[in-house]
């Protein structure tokens, strides 16, 4: 199941970012929240920063009768940087760009839309219903897992297909490797059916 998530960053210029799961659908920054309605399609959930500028998006709250989830900056940082980056990280524009690029494959040029993308990703990063991924068994999107074979141990992270980069340890949820280990438990040996031929490895652990 793939859910349309709208991230809203209230402020002097209301930033917004709409995605269908991890597929970006649109983003921008407007003073008038109602003008956002002219540029968005169906929305299932709205994630908005718990800020003092909520009056900026109050017209949207009256029109979009879907669940609204408010997020504090502390909640945003704790979930995003730990889950998506796999490590604790200091907040800042560069880090926000990194998590958004890793999740969506693109980074909004507008700072308000970037913050809105982080809000949408906050919800996606902890949801099994919104990522559009196939059944991943014991794995979840953004999980780290370590395998061992004749060449030693390697750690990978499960990511959306559009941001996969095996050379950096980012493997698609549809990849032969993820499909091979998704039902395994630490200590199990599995066969990876890769285009270049089958090979064996052992799942060492799930998590960092």
C-alpha atoms as a PDB file:
ATOM      1  CA  UNK A   1       0.000   0.000   0.000  1.00  0.00           C
ATOM      2  CA  UNK A   2       1.375   3.379  -1.031  1.00  0.00           C
ATOM      3  CA  UNK A   3       0.160   6.499   0.737  1.00  0.00           C
ATOM      4  CA  UNK A   4       0.310  10.107  -0.471  1.00  0.00           C
ATOM      5  CA  UNK A   5       2.049  12.170   2.205  1.00  0.00           C
ATOM      6  CA  UNK A   6       2.036  15.969   2.296  1.00  0.00           C
ATOM      7  CA  UNK A   7       4.712  17.661   4.388  1.00  0.00           C
ATOM      8  CA  UNK A   8       3.967  21.251   5.437  1.00  0.00           C
ATOM      9  CA  UNK A   9       6.452  23.676   6.954  1.00  0.00           C
ATOM     10  CA  UNK A  10       4.484  26.708   8.222  1.00  0.00           C
ATOM     11  CA  UNK A  11       6.274  30.015   8.251  1.00  0.00           C
ATOM     12  CA  UNK A  12       6.688  33.266   6.393  1.00  0.00           C
ATOM     13  CA  UNK A  13       6.626  31.165   3.237  1.00  0.00           C
ATOM     14  CA  UNK A  14       4.778  27.887   3.743  1.00  0.00           C
ATOM     15  CA  UNK A  15       6.876  25.074   2.298  1.00  0.00           C
ATOM     16  CA  UNK A  16       5.245  21.899   1.016  1.00  0.00           C
ATOM     17  CA  UNK A  17       6.392  18.542  -0.328  1.00  0.00           C
ATOM     18  CA  UNK A  18       4.018  15.870  -1.671  1.00  0.00           C
ATOM     19  CA  UNK A  19       5.100  12.279  -2.260  1.00  0.00           C
ATOM     20  CA  UNK A  20       3.503   8.968  -3.170  1.00  0.00           C
ATOM     21  CA  UNK A  21       5.489   6.819  -0.816  1.00  0.00           C
ATOM     22  CA  UNK A  22       9.082   7.581  -1.761  1.00  0.00           C
ATOM     23  CA  UNK A  23       8.140   8.940  -5.198  1.00  0.00           C
ATOM     24  CA  UNK A  24       8.239  12.776  -5.241  1.00  0.00           C
ATOM     25  CA  UNK A  25       5.115  14.308  -6.758  1.00  0.00           C
ATOM     26  CA  UNK A  26       5.700  18.011  -6.202  1.00  0.00           C
ATOM     27  CA  UNK A  27       7.102  20.679  -3.923  1.00  0.00           C
ATOM     28  CA  UNK A  28       7.176  24.407  -3.498  1.00  0.00           C
ATOM     29  CA  UNK A  29       6.854  27.374  -1.188  1.00  0.00           C
ATOM     30  CA  UNK A  30       3.837  29.673  -0.948  1.00  0.00           C
ATOM     31  CA  UNK A  31       2.640  32.373   1.451  1.00  0.00           C
ATOM     32  CA  UNK A  32      -0.993  31.474   0.803  1.00  0.00           C
ATOM     33  CA  UNK A  33      -1.548  27.873   1.925  1.00  0.00           C
ATOM     34  CA  UNK A  34      -4.723  27.563  -0.149  1.00  0.00           C
ATOM     35  CA  UNK A  35      -2.721  28.060  -3.341  1.00  0.00           C
ATOM     36  CA  UNK A  36      -1.019  24.761  -2.558  1.00  0.00           C
ATOM     37  CA  UNK A  37      -4.343  23.055  -3.310  1.00  0.00           C
ATOM     38  CA  UNK A  38      -3.996  24.132  -6.937  1.00  0.00           C
ATOM     39  CA  UNK A  39      -0.813  22.046  -7.247  1.00  0.00           C
ATOM     40  CA  UNK A  40      -1.448  18.893  -5.232  1.00  0.00           C
ATOM     41  CA  UNK A  41      -3.362  15.705  -5.978  1.00  0.00           C
ATOM     42  CA  UNK A  42      -4.908  13.252  -3.530  1.00  0.00           C
ATOM     43  CA  UNK A  43      -3.542  13.407   0.028  1.00  0.00           C
ATOM     44  CA  UNK A  44      -3.842  10.652   2.670  1.00  0.00           C
ATOM     45  CA  UNK A  45      -1.941  12.227   5.560  1.00  0.00           C
ATOM     46  CA  UNK A  46      -0.487  15.656   6.336  1.00  0.00           C
ATOM     47  CA  UNK A  47       2.633  16.035   8.481  1.00  0.00           C
ATOM     48  CA  UNK A  48       3.183  19.553   9.777  1.00  0.00           C
ATOM     49  CA  UNK A  49       5.821  21.118  11.957  1.00  0.00           C
ATOM     50  CA  UNK A  50       4.548  22.049  15.407  1.00  0.00           C
ATOM     51  CA  UNK A  51       5.336  25.742  15.047  1.00  0.00           C
ATOM     52  CA  UNK A  52       3.894  29.101  16.120  1.00  0.00           C
ATOM     53  CA  UNK A  53       2.885  29.814  12.529  1.00  0.00           C
ATOM     54  CA  UNK A  54       0.061  27.268  12.335  1.00  0.00           C
ATOM     55  CA  UNK A  55      -2.315  30.033  11.269  1.00  0.00           C
ATOM     56  CA  UNK A  56      -0.461  29.959   7.935  1.00  0.00           C
ATOM     57  CA  UNK A  57      -1.937  26.511   7.153  1.00  0.00           C
ATOM     58  CA  UNK A  58      -5.247  26.764   9.018  1.00  0.00           C
ATOM     59  CA  UNK A  59      -7.188  27.181   5.728  1.00  0.00           C
ATOM     60  CA  UNK A  60      -5.712  23.885   4.529  1.00  0.00           C
ATOM     61  CA  UNK A  61      -6.613  22.178   7.792  1.00  0.00           C
ATOM     62  CA  UNK A  62     -10.256  23.082   7.191  1.00  0.00           C
ATOM     63  CA  UNK A  63     -10.193  21.810   3.605  1.00  0.00           C
ATOM     64  CA  UNK A  64      -8.040  18.659   3.885  1.00  0.00           C
ATOM     65  CA  UNK A  65     -10.113  16.420   6.154  1.00  0.00           C
ATOM     66  CA  UNK A  66      -7.398  13.773   6.491  1.00  0.00           C
ATOM     67  CA  UNK A  67      -5.204  12.867   9.484  1.00  0.00           C
ATOM     68  CA  UNK A  68      -2.866  15.699  10.494  1.00  0.00           C
ATOM     69  CA  UNK A  69       0.275  14.756  12.408  1.00  0.00           C
ATOM     70  CA  UNK A  70       2.270  17.430  14.237  1.00  0.00           C
ATOM     71  CA  UNK A  71       6.011  16.915  14.679  1.00  0.00           C
ATOM     72  CA  UNK A  72       8.447  18.787  16.895  1.00  0.00           C
ATOM     73  CA  UNK A  73      11.983  19.543  15.639  1.00  0.00           C
ATOM     74  CA  UNK A  74      13.361  17.176  18.288  1.00  0.00           C
ATOM     75  CA  UNK A  75      11.155  14.314  17.082  1.00  0.00           C
ATOM     76  CA  UNK A  76      12.107  15.087  13.495  1.00  0.00           C
ATOM     77  CA  UNK A  77      15.828  14.950  14.190  1.00  0.00           C
ATOM     78  CA  UNK A  78      15.710  11.853  16.384  1.00  0.00           C
ATOM     79  CA  UNK A  79      13.853   9.659  13.887  1.00  0.00           C
ATOM     80  CA  UNK A  80      15.283  10.905  10.598  1.00  0.00           C
ATOM     81  CA  UNK A  81      18.969  11.042  11.336  1.00  0.00           C
ATOM     82  CA  UNK A  82      19.062   7.802  13.306  1.00  0.00           C
ATOM     83  CA  UNK A  83      16.816   5.735  11.039  1.00  0.00           C
ATOM     84  CA  UNK A  84      17.694   7.013   7.571  1.00  0.00           C
ATOM     85  CA  UNK A  85      21.375   7.822   8.101  1.00  0.00           C
ATOM     86  CA  UNK A  86      21.908   4.969  10.537  1.00  0.00           C
ATOM     87  CA  UNK A  87      23.736   7.247  12.952  1.00  0.00           C
ATOM     88  CA  UNK A  88      23.177  10.163  15.262  1.00  0.00           C
ATOM     89  CA  UNK A  89      23.849  13.450  13.557  1.00  0.00           C
ATOM     90  CA  UNK A  90      23.903  17.170  14.270  1.00  0.00           C
ATOM     91  CA  UNK A  91      21.011  19.039  12.689  1.00  0.00           C
ATOM     92  CA  UNK A  92      21.688  21.392   9.790  1.00  0.00           C
ATOM     93  CA  UNK A  93      20.936  22.102   6.105  1.00  0.00           C
ATOM     94  CA  UNK A  94      23.621  19.723   4.797  1.00  0.00           C
ATOM     95  CA  UNK A  95      22.296  16.822   6.854  1.00  0.00           C
ATOM     96  CA  UNK A  96      18.706  17.517   5.829  1.00  0.00           C
ATOM     97  CA  UNK A  97      19.779  17.552   2.192  1.00  0.00           C
ATOM     98  CA  UNK A  98      21.520  14.205   2.682  1.00  0.00           C
ATOM     99  CA  UNK A  99      18.511  12.437   4.170  1.00  0.00           C
ATOM    100  CA  UNK A 100      16.118  13.855   1.548  1.00  0.00           C
ATOM    101  CA  UNK A 101      18.452  12.950  -1.330  1.00  0.00           C
ATOM    102  CA  UNK A 102      18.876   9.429   0.034  1.00  0.00           C
ATOM    103  CA  UNK A 103      15.114   8.971   0.373  1.00  0.00           C
ATOM    104  CA  UNK A 104      13.701  10.722  -2.687  1.00  0.00           C
ATOM    105  CA  UNK A 105      16.665  10.986  -5.066  1.00  0.00           C
ATOM    106  CA  UNK A 106      16.174  14.743  -5.350  1.00  0.00           C
ATOM    107  CA  UNK A 107      16.571  17.790  -3.125  1.00  0.00           C
ATOM    108  CA  UNK A 108      14.240  20.828  -3.352  1.00  0.00           C
ATOM    109  CA  UNK A 109      16.123  24.024  -4.021  1.00  0.00           C
ATOM    110  CA  UNK A 110      13.867  26.005  -1.696  1.00  0.00           C
ATOM    111  CA  UNK A 111      14.760  25.739   2.002  1.00  0.00           C
ATOM    112  CA  UNK A 112      11.102  25.683   3.074  1.00  0.00           C
ATOM    113  CA  UNK A 113      10.293  22.859   0.651  1.00  0.00           C
ATOM    114  CA  UNK A 114      13.381  20.995   1.923  1.00  0.00           C
ATOM    115  CA  UNK A 115      12.062  21.224   5.480  1.00  0.00           C
ATOM    116  CA  UNK A 116       8.655  20.033   4.240  1.00  0.00           C
ATOM    117  CA  UNK A 117      10.342  17.040   2.556  1.00  0.00           C
ATOM    118  CA  UNK A 118      11.939  16.151   5.896  1.00  0.00           C
ATOM    119  CA  UNK A 119       8.505  16.236   7.511  1.00  0.00           C
ATOM    120  CA  UNK A 120       7.049  13.862   4.900  1.00  0.00           C
ATOM    121  CA  UNK A 121      10.049  11.587   5.268  1.00  0.00           C
ATOM    122  CA  UNK A 122       9.689  11.570   9.060  1.00  0.00           C
ATOM    123  CA  UNK A 123       6.332   9.860   8.632  1.00  0.00           C
ATOM    124  CA  UNK A 124       7.508   7.507   5.889  1.00  0.00           C
ATOM    125  CA  UNK A 125      10.647   6.452   7.723  1.00  0.00           C
ATOM    126  CA  UNK A 126       8.689   4.676  10.438  1.00  0.00           C
ATOM    127  CA  UNK A 127       5.742   3.382   8.425  1.00  0.00           C
ATOM    128  CA  UNK A 128       5.344  -0.081   6.940  1.00  0.00           C
ATOM    129  CA  UNK A 129       2.269   1.045   5.021  1.00  0.00           C
ATOM    130  CA  UNK A 130       3.624   4.001   3.109  1.00  0.00           C
ATOM    131  CA  UNK A 131       6.791   2.949   1.392  1.00  0.00           C
ATOM    132  CA  UNK A 132       5.388   0.948  -1.531  1.00  0.00           C
ATOM    133  CA  UNK A 133       7.971  -1.758  -0.927  1.00  0.00           C
ATOM    134  CA  UNK A 134       7.293  -5.446  -1.452  1.00  0.00           C
ATOM    135  CA  UNK A 135       7.067  -7.779   1.541  1.00  0.00           C
ATOM    136  CA  UNK A 136      10.466  -7.480   3.225  1.00  0.00           C
ATOM    137  CA  UNK A 137       9.968 -10.181   5.836  1.00  0.00           C
ATOM    138  CA  UNK A 138      12.221  -9.461   8.793  1.00  0.00           C
ATOM    139  CA  UNK A 139      13.623  -6.306   7.152  1.00  0.00           C
ATOM    140  CA  UNK A 140      12.231  -2.789   6.858  1.00  0.00           C
ATOM    141  CA  UNK A 141      13.135   0.145   4.643  1.00  0.00           C
ATOM    142  CA  UNK A 142      16.231   1.911   6.059  1.00  0.00           C
ATOM    143  CA  UNK A 143      17.348  -1.170   8.004  1.00  0.00           C
ATOM    144  CA  UNK A 144      21.065  -1.889   8.095  1.00  0.00           C
ATOM    145  CA  UNK A 145      22.095  -5.510   7.704  1.00  0.00           C
ATOM    146  CA  UNK A 146      25.478  -7.258   7.637  1.00  0.00           C
ATOM    147  CA  UNK A 147      26.378 -10.321   5.593  1.00  0.00           C
ATOM    148  CA  UNK A 148      29.494 -12.460   5.482  1.00  0.00           C
ATOM    149  CA  UNK A 149      30.934 -14.499   2.614  1.00  0.00           C
ATOM    150  CA  UNK A 150      34.332 -15.768   1.540  1.00  0.00           C
ATOM    151  CA  UNK A 151      35.567 -12.181   1.121  1.00  0.00           C
ATOM    152  CA  UNK A 152      34.583 -10.995   4.612  1.00  0.00           C
ATOM    153  CA  UNK A 153      31.766  -8.937   6.116  1.00  0.00           C
ATOM    154  CA  UNK A 154      29.836  -6.118   4.419  1.00  0.00           C
ATOM    155  CA  UNK A 155      27.077  -3.894   5.799  1.00  0.00           C
ATOM    156  CA  UNK A 156      24.258  -2.637   3.573  1.00  0.00           C
ATOM    157  CA  UNK A 157      21.144  -0.501   3.964  1.00  0.00           C
ATOM    158  CA  UNK A 158      17.725  -1.177   2.420  1.00  0.00           C
ATOM    159  CA  UNK A 159      16.660   1.867   0.371  1.00  0.00           C
ATOM    160  CA  UNK A 160      14.078   2.799  -2.305  1.00  0.00           C
ATOM    161  CA  UNK A 161      15.102   1.666  -5.815  1.00  0.00           C
ATOM    162  CA  UNK A 162      15.582   5.211  -7.151  1.00  0.00           C
ATOM    163  CA  UNK A 163      18.321   5.940  -4.607  1.00  0.00           C
ATOM    164  CA  UNK A 164      20.175   2.613  -4.596  1.00  0.00           C
ATOM    165  CA  UNK A 165      23.979   2.780  -4.823  1.00  0.00           C
ATOM    166  CA  UNK A 166      25.550  -0.607  -4.020  1.00  0.00           C
ATOM    167  CA  UNK A 167      29.026   0.909  -4.116  1.00  0.00           C
ATOM    168  CA  UNK A 168      28.040   2.995  -1.091  1.00  0.00           C
ATOM    169  CA  UNK A 169      26.224   0.124   0.598  1.00  0.00           C
ATOM    170  CA  UNK A 170      22.728   1.302  -0.408  1.00  0.00           C
ATOM    171  CA  UNK A 171      20.778  -1.620  -1.898  1.00  0.00           C
ATOM    172  CA  UNK A 172      17.288  -1.524  -3.404  1.00  0.00           C
ATOM    173  CA  UNK A 173      14.485  -3.298  -1.603  1.00  0.00           C
ATOM    174  CA  UNK A 174      13.911  -5.163  -4.915  1.00  0.00           C
ATOM    175  CA  UNK A 175      17.549  -6.284  -5.270  1.00  0.00           C
ATOM    176  CA  UNK A 176      18.486  -9.988  -5.296  1.00  0.00           C
ATOM    177  CA  UNK A 177      20.473  -9.488  -2.087  1.00  0.00           C
ATOM    178  CA  UNK A 178      17.569  -8.036  -0.107  1.00  0.00           C
ATOM    179  CA  UNK A 179      15.184 -10.616  -1.529  1.00  0.00           C
ATOM    180  CA  UNK A 180      17.574 -13.369  -0.408  1.00  0.00           C
ATOM    181  CA  UNK A 181      18.026 -12.195   3.178  1.00  0.00           C
ATOM    182  CA  UNK A 182      14.550 -10.789   3.853  1.00  0.00           C
ATOM    183  CA  UNK A 183      13.283 -14.005   5.428  1.00  0.00           C
ATOM    184  CA  UNK A 184      16.516 -15.002   7.130  1.00  0.00           C
ATOM    185  CA  UNK A 185      17.544 -14.719  10.749  1.00  0.00           C
ATOM    186  CA  UNK A 186      21.062 -13.894  11.956  1.00  0.00           C
ATOM    187  CA  UNK A 187      23.224 -16.953  11.434  1.00  0.00           C
ATOM    188  CA  UNK A 188      21.216 -18.278   8.467  1.00  0.00           C
ATOM    189  CA  UNK A 189      22.939 -18.970   5.144  1.00  0.00           C
ATOM    190  CA  UNK A 190      21.148 -17.850   1.983  1.00  0.00           C
ATOM    191  CA  UNK A 191      21.638 -18.035  -1.775  1.00  0.00           C
ATOM    192  CA  UNK A 192      21.592 -14.779  -3.730  1.00  0.00           C
ATOM    193  CA  UNK A 193      20.228 -15.238  -7.251  1.00  0.00           C
ATOM    194  CA  UNK A 194      22.099 -12.405  -8.983  1.00  0.00           C
ATOM    195  CA  UNK A 195      22.270 -11.678 -12.745  1.00  0.00           C
ATOM    196  CA  UNK A 196      25.962 -12.614 -12.706  1.00  0.00           C
ATOM    197  CA  UNK A 197      25.295 -15.963 -11.047  1.00  0.00           C
ATOM    198  CA  UNK A 198      24.278 -17.406  -7.717  1.00  0.00           C
ATOM    199  CA  UNK A 199      26.411 -16.919  -4.614  1.00  0.00           C
ATOM    200  CA  UNK A 200      26.141 -17.848  -0.952  1.00  0.00           C
ATOM    201  CA  UNK A 201      26.379 -15.643   2.115  1.00  0.00           C
ATOM    202  CA  UNK A 202      25.422 -15.648   5.777  1.00  0.00           C
ATOM    203  CA  UNK A 203      23.246 -13.035   7.473  1.00  0.00           C
ATOM    204  CA  UNK A 204      25.318 -11.806  10.408  1.00  0.00           C
ATOM    205  CA  UNK A 205      22.943  -9.247  11.926  1.00  0.00           C
ATOM    206  CA  UNK A 206      20.164  -6.774  11.269  1.00  0.00           C
ATOM    207  CA  UNK A 207      20.864  -3.291  12.640  1.00  0.00           C
ATOM    208  CA  UNK A 208      24.040  -1.323  13.219  1.00  0.00           C
END
